[in-house]
Protein backbone atom coordinates (compact mmCIF):
# COMPACT_ATOMS: atom_id res chain seq x y z
CA UNK A 1 21.07 56.77 7.77
CA UNK A 2 22.38 59.51 5.65
CA UNK A 3 22.28 58.66 1.85
CA UNK A 4 26.35 58.60 1.62
CA UNK A 5 26.41 55.53 4.01
CA UNK A 6 23.08 54.04 2.36
CA UNK A 7 25.34 54.30 -0.88
CA UNK A 8 27.90 53.00 0.71
CA UNK A 9 26.11 49.92 2.15
CA UNK A 10 24.33 49.81 -1.33
CA UNK A 11 27.49 49.34 -3.49
CA UNK A 12 29.41 46.36 -1.34
CA UNK A 13 27.56 42.81 -2.46
CA UNK A 14 28.49 41.43 0.68
CA UNK A 15 25.66 44.08 2.65
CA UNK A 16 23.21 43.48 0.16
CA UNK A 17 19.52 42.40 1.40
CA UNK A 18 20.84 44.37 5.21
CA UNK A 19 17.97 46.61 5.92
CA UNK A 20 17.94 47.50 9.40
CA UNK A 21 19.99 50.29 11.28
CA UNK A 22 23.91 50.57 11.10
CA UNK A 23 25.16 51.08 14.64
CA UNK A 24 28.10 53.62 15.04
CA UNK A 25 31.27 52.09 16.94
CA UNK A 26 34.67 54.45 17.97
CA UNK A 27 37.13 55.17 15.70
CA UNK A 28 39.46 57.67 15.78
CA UNK A 29 40.02 59.05 12.13
CA UNK A 30 37.79 56.54 10.29
CA UNK A 31 33.81 55.80 10.75
CA UNK A 32 32.95 52.28 12.28
CA UNK A 33 29.76 50.63 11.98
CA UNK A 34 27.93 47.30 12.63
CA UNK A 35 25.50 46.44 10.59
CA UNK A 36 23.90 42.83 11.76
CA UNK A 37 26.88 40.29 12.38
CA UNK A 38 28.98 42.85 9.98
CA UNK A 39 31.21 45.85 10.51
CA UNK A 40 31.90 48.30 8.17
CA UNK A 41 34.88 50.53 8.37
CA UNK A 42 34.50 53.69 5.90
CA UNK A 43 38.21 55.33 5.80
CA UNK A 44 38.70 59.11 7.47
CA UNK A 45 39.12 61.58 5.09
CA UNK A 46 42.65 62.38 4.26
CA UNK A 47 43.99 58.86 5.41
CA UNK A 48 45.18 58.20 1.83
CA UNK A 49 48.00 60.33 2.27
CA UNK A 50 49.73 58.14 4.72
CA UNK A 51 47.86 54.42 4.79
CA UNK A 52 48.24 52.31 2.01
CA UNK A 53 45.18 50.42 1.53
CA UNK A 54 46.49 47.49 -0.05
CA UNK A 55 49.32 46.33 2.32
CA UNK A 56 46.90 46.98 4.66
CA UNK A 57 44.18 44.84 3.00
CA UNK A 58 46.93 41.85 2.88
CA UNK A 59 47.69 42.52 6.63
CA UNK A 60 43.92 42.00 7.77
CA UNK A 61 43.72 38.53 5.69
CA UNK A 62 47.06 37.82 7.29
CA UNK A 63 45.76 37.96 10.99
CA UNK A 64 42.53 36.65 10.22
CA UNK A 65 44.38 33.81 8.94
CA UNK A 66 46.42 33.67 12.25
CA UNK A 67 43.46 33.43 14.24
CA UNK A 68 44.20 37.39 15.70
CA UNK A 69 41.38 39.47 13.98
CA UNK A 70 37.89 38.74 13.03
CA UNK A 71 37.09 36.98 9.42
CA UNK A 72 37.62 39.85 5.91
CA UNK A 73 34.74 39.52 4.01
CA UNK A 74 35.31 42.84 2.07
CA UNK A 75 38.16 44.80 1.13
CA UNK A 76 38.22 47.53 -1.31
CA UNK A 77 41.86 48.90 -2.03
CA UNK A 78 40.96 51.52 -3.55
CA UNK A 79 38.42 53.40 -1.27
CA UNK A 80 39.53 51.33 1.70
CA UNK A 81 36.08 50.20 2.15
CA UNK A 82 36.34 47.22 4.48
CA UNK A 83 34.03 44.03 6.56
CA UNK A 84 34.47 42.06 8.59
CA UNK A 85 32.61 39.45 10.95
CA UNK A 86 31.10 40.62 13.97
CA UNK A 87 33.05 39.58 17.14
CA UNK A 88 30.46 39.54 20.41
CA UNK A 89 33.02 40.84 23.04
CA UNK A 90 34.18 44.04 25.07
CA UNK A 91 35.59 47.05 22.84
CA UNK A 92 38.84 47.69 25.43
CA UNK A 93 39.44 51.02 26.68
CA UNK A 94 42.64 52.10 28.79
CA UNK A 95 40.14 51.68 31.87
CA UNK A 96 38.72 48.64 31.42
CA UNK A 97 42.27 47.32 30.48
CA UNK A 98 43.21 48.25 34.36
CA UNK A 99 39.83 47.36 36.01
CA UNK A 100 39.41 44.01 33.84
CA UNK A 101 40.71 40.61 35.60
CA UNK A 102 43.19 39.16 32.95
CA UNK A 103 43.34 41.60 30.59
CA UNK A 104 47.18 42.56 30.14
CA UNK A 105 47.64 38.86 29.90
CA UNK A 106 45.31 37.86 27.36
CA UNK A 107 47.09 41.26 25.51
CA UNK A 108 50.13 39.65 26.02
CA UNK A 109 48.85 36.05 24.68
CA UNK A 110 46.98 37.51 21.26
CA UNK A 111 50.23 39.49 20.83
CA UNK A 112 52.27 36.41 21.00
CA UNK A 113 50.02 34.39 18.62
CA UNK A 114 50.00 37.09 16.17
CA UNK A 115 54.58 37.64 16.62
CA UNK A 116 54.69 33.82 16.18
CA UNK A 117 52.09 32.98 13.54
CA UNK A 118 54.92 33.32 10.59
CA UNK A 119 52.77 35.53 8.76
CA UNK A 120 54.92 38.36 6.53
CA UNK A 121 53.29 41.07 6.19
CA UNK A 122 53.94 43.75 3.00
CA UNK A 123 55.04 46.71 4.56
CA UNK A 124 58.40 47.10 6.77
CA UNK A 125 57.08 50.06 9.36
CA UNK A 126 60.68 51.61 10.37
CA UNK A 127 60.70 54.37 12.90
CA UNK A 128 62.94 56.71 12.13
CA UNK A 129 61.73 56.63 8.28
CA UNK A 130 58.03 56.99 9.62
CA UNK A 131 59.58 60.17 11.60
CA UNK A 132 61.27 61.02 8.89
CA UNK A 133 58.61 60.86 6.20
CA UNK A 134 55.73 62.30 9.11
CA UNK A 135 58.06 65.80 9.27
CA UNK A 136 57.91 65.72 5.17
CA UNK A 137 54.00 65.24 5.26
CA UNK A 138 54.02 68.14 7.42
CA UNK A 139 56.48 70.42 6.42
CA UNK A 140 53.95 72.09 4.45
CA UNK A 141 51.11 72.48 6.30
CA UNK A 142 50.76 75.21 8.74
CA UNK A 143 50.78 73.47 12.05
CA UNK A 144 53.48 74.22 14.70
CA UNK A 145 55.76 71.15 16.01
CA UNK A 146 55.96 71.15 20.21
CA UNK A 147 58.54 73.15 21.19
CA UNK A 148 62.22 71.04 21.33
CA UNK A 149 60.39 68.51 18.87
CA UNK A 150 63.39 67.96 16.80
CA UNK A 151 65.72 68.57 19.47
CA UNK A 152 64.33 65.31 20.82
CA UNK A 153 64.68 63.89 17.86
CA UNK A 154 68.25 64.25 18.21
CA UNK A 155 68.37 62.90 21.73
CA UNK A 156 66.08 59.66 20.24
CA UNK A 157 69.74 59.06 17.81
CA UNK A 158 70.94 57.00 21.36
CA UNK A 159 67.83 54.71 20.86
CA UNK A 160 68.66 54.12 17.21
CA UNK A 161 72.25 53.47 18.24
CA UNK A 162 71.07 50.95 20.95
CA UNK A 163 68.53 49.24 18.69
CA UNK A 164 71.46 48.67 16.01
CA UNK A 165 73.54 47.28 18.05
CA UNK A 166 70.71 44.51 18.08
CA UNK A 167 69.53 41.78 16.29
CA UNK A 168 65.89 42.94 15.81
CA UNK A 169 63.74 39.92 15.28
CA UNK A 170 61.20 41.65 12.92
CA UNK A 171 58.33 39.12 12.79
CA UNK A 172 54.23 40.55 12.16
CA UNK A 173 53.31 43.21 14.40
CA UNK A 174 49.82 45.66 14.97
CA UNK A 175 52.27 48.98 15.07
CA UNK A 176 49.26 50.45 16.22
CA UNK A 177 47.64 49.34 19.39
CA UNK A 178 45.37 51.56 20.86
CA UNK A 179 43.23 50.01 23.48
CA UNK A 180 40.32 50.21 21.45
CA UNK A 181 41.91 48.53 18.74
CA UNK A 182 41.43 44.90 21.12
CA UNK A 183 38.02 43.26 21.69
CA UNK A 184 38.02 41.13 24.77
CA UNK A 185 35.42 38.01 25.09
CA UNK A 186 36.72 37.45 28.47
CA UNK A 187 38.29 34.34 27.77
CA UNK A 188 40.76 35.47 24.60
CA UNK A 189 41.08 39.19 22.80
CA UNK A 190 40.91 39.50 19.19
CA UNK A 191 42.63 42.91 17.49
CA UNK A 192 41.43 44.84 14.90
CA UNK A 193 42.77 47.76 12.59
CA UNK A 194 45.63 47.28 10.59
CA UNK A 195 46.34 50.63 9.03
CA UNK A 196 49.81 50.58 10.50
CA UNK A 197 50.85 47.11 10.68
CA UNK A 198 54.01 45.89 9.06
CA UNK A 199 57.23 43.74 9.83
CA UNK A 200 58.61 45.22 12.83
CA UNK A 201 60.51 44.38 16.17
CA UNK A 202 57.49 42.82 18.49
CA UNK A 203 58.76 44.83 21.24
CA UNK A 204 57.19 47.78 19.93
CA UNK A 205 53.55 46.23 19.87
CA UNK A 206 53.82 45.87 23.82
CA UNK A 207 55.65 49.20 24.77
CA UNK A 208 53.04 50.87 22.78
CA UNK A 209 50.01 48.85 24.38
CA UNK A 210 52.24 49.67 27.64
CA UNK A 211 51.40 53.07 26.70
CA UNK A 212 47.91 53.69 25.69
CA UNK A 213 46.61 51.23 28.22
CA UNK A 214 48.67 53.65 31.26
CA UNK A 215 49.76 49.94 32.63
CA UNK A 216 51.25 50.36 36.16
CA UNK A 217 54.90 47.87 36.85
CA UNK A 218 52.24 44.83 37.78
CA UNK A 219 50.34 45.12 35.00
CA UNK A 220 52.97 45.56 32.29
CA UNK A 221 54.70 42.51 34.00
CA UNK A 222 51.55 40.37 33.76
CA UNK A 223 51.21 41.10 30.05
CA UNK A 224 55.28 40.37 29.57
CA UNK A 225 54.89 37.20 31.25
CA UNK A 226 52.00 35.81 29.53
CA UNK A 227 53.42 37.00 25.88
CA UNK A 228 56.88 35.48 27.38
CA UNK A 229 55.97 32.22 29.28
CA UNK A 230 58.91 33.11 31.35
CA UNK A 231 61.08 35.68 32.99
CA UNK A 232 61.52 38.43 30.79
CA UNK A 233 65.55 39.32 29.44
CA UNK A 234 66.71 42.47 29.88
CA UNK A 235 67.66 42.91 26.32
CA UNK A 236 63.67 42.57 25.27
CA UNK A 237 62.03 44.98 28.35
CA UNK A 238 64.96 47.54 27.85
CA UNK A 239 63.84 47.26 23.80
CA UNK A 240 60.20 47.25 25.32
CA UNK A 241 60.95 50.55 27.39
CA UNK A 242 62.82 52.29 24.51
CA UNK A 243 59.34 52.04 22.90
CA UNK A 244 57.54 53.23 25.29
CA UNK A 245 59.35 56.79 24.48
CA UNK A 246 60.00 56.25 20.28
CA UNK A 247 56.10 55.18 20.35
CA UNK A 248 54.88 58.94 21.72
CA UNK A 249 57.61 60.90 19.30
CA UNK A 250 55.82 59.22 16.33
CA UNK A 251 52.18 59.32 17.16
CA UNK A 252 52.97 62.95 18.17
CA UNK A 253 53.42 63.47 14.82
CA UNK A 254 50.36 61.61 13.71
CA UNK A 255 48.48 63.90 15.93
CA UNK A 256 49.28 67.37 14.06
CA UNK A 257 49.06 65.20 11.29
CA UNK A 258 45.02 64.89 12.04
CA UNK A 259 44.93 68.64 13.38
CA UNK A 260 46.30 69.92 10.27
CA UNK A 261 43.46 67.35 8.37
CA UNK A 262 40.91 68.82 10.41
CA UNK A 263 39.76 65.58 12.16
CA UNK A 264 37.21 66.62 14.75
CA UNK A 265 37.02 63.57 16.69
CA UNK A 266 39.48 64.51 19.39
CA UNK A 267 41.51 67.97 20.46
CA UNK A 268 44.96 67.04 18.80
CA UNK A 269 46.83 69.52 19.26
CA UNK A 270 46.53 67.99 23.10
CA UNK A 271 46.76 64.73 22.33
CA UNK A 272 50.12 65.86 20.18
CA UNK A 273 51.54 67.92 23.26
CA UNK A 274 50.53 65.09 25.94
CA UNK A 275 52.55 62.77 24.07
CA UNK A 276 55.44 64.64 23.53
CA UNK A 277 55.47 65.78 26.94
CA UNK A 278 55.77 62.37 28.14
CA UNK A 279 58.40 61.07 25.97
CA UNK A 280 60.49 63.61 27.43
CA UNK A 281 59.73 63.01 30.71
CA UNK A 282 60.64 59.22 30.42
CA UNK A 283 64.28 59.74 28.09
CA UNK A 284 65.13 62.02 31.02
CA UNK A 285 65.19 59.30 33.89
CA UNK A 286 68.21 57.28 34.68
CA UNK A 287 66.19 54.18 34.52
CA UNK A 288 65.81 55.00 30.46
CA UNK A 289 69.01 55.28 30.29
CA UNK A 290 69.54 51.85 32.03
CA UNK A 291 67.39 50.34 29.69
CA UNK A 292 69.39 51.19 26.67
CA UNK A 293 72.15 49.73 27.95
CA UNK A 294 70.63 46.66 27.93
CA UNK A 295 69.48 45.91 24.42
CA UNK A 296 71.91 43.91 22.63
CA UNK A 297 72.83 42.14 25.63
CA UNK A 298 71.28 38.46 26.46
CA UNK A 299 70.13 38.33 30.38
């Protein structure tokens, strides 16, 4: 165990008495460790520039109260150090989402439970405002945007207009549904990591998860059916498809922030370029235009 990790563990009363060897778990920006029946999250360097830890703490507690996230044992809003109860479950990946029987359905069910919990998160996840904020954060940094990024943001004005026609239902949303943020027991799923959580259109969570898991049409339909419990309205599906493109547009910038921070967890230049290319490809289809036209309708 490194000296800095030992010092962190010693500083948290909930971890007093732990004498074993921490087990390193996943994480793109943070360090996560299993310590017996508890899990310790150590924030990554530089994340304080775009993560409000006090907001995250409130959302994590409300999500635990809703029964969709592990119990929160400790949270220091100054340092971002967090301890939660360990859940005995498989950490999902894009591959296991596609191959584990019933995974899309269980994901739809846990997201429905979150969205219908009545929880009120303290942050408003506003897509276009976050794009502007991330662009401002990147402006003084020596990191090039993908060619044509601003042009696609301008084209996304059609998405903004379509969403503006609809009366968007704002609910407590995860907003960053990476596959690895889902834990599957085989009978139900749990969700972790509430750094980006906020009040949002619930279709964002479903659209973003479909992208992260690379779901095919059948898996996407299975998730949606489990989520709604009935036939999916064209308006809901239209918003979900719009967010499939928009999540890639936003997370392209997130990848460039990781690149500028020197995060060694991934090739974040390739990450950003891949997401941007996928966004442009979807926005260029006739199906995308059709789904935008359905937003704000009732059938």
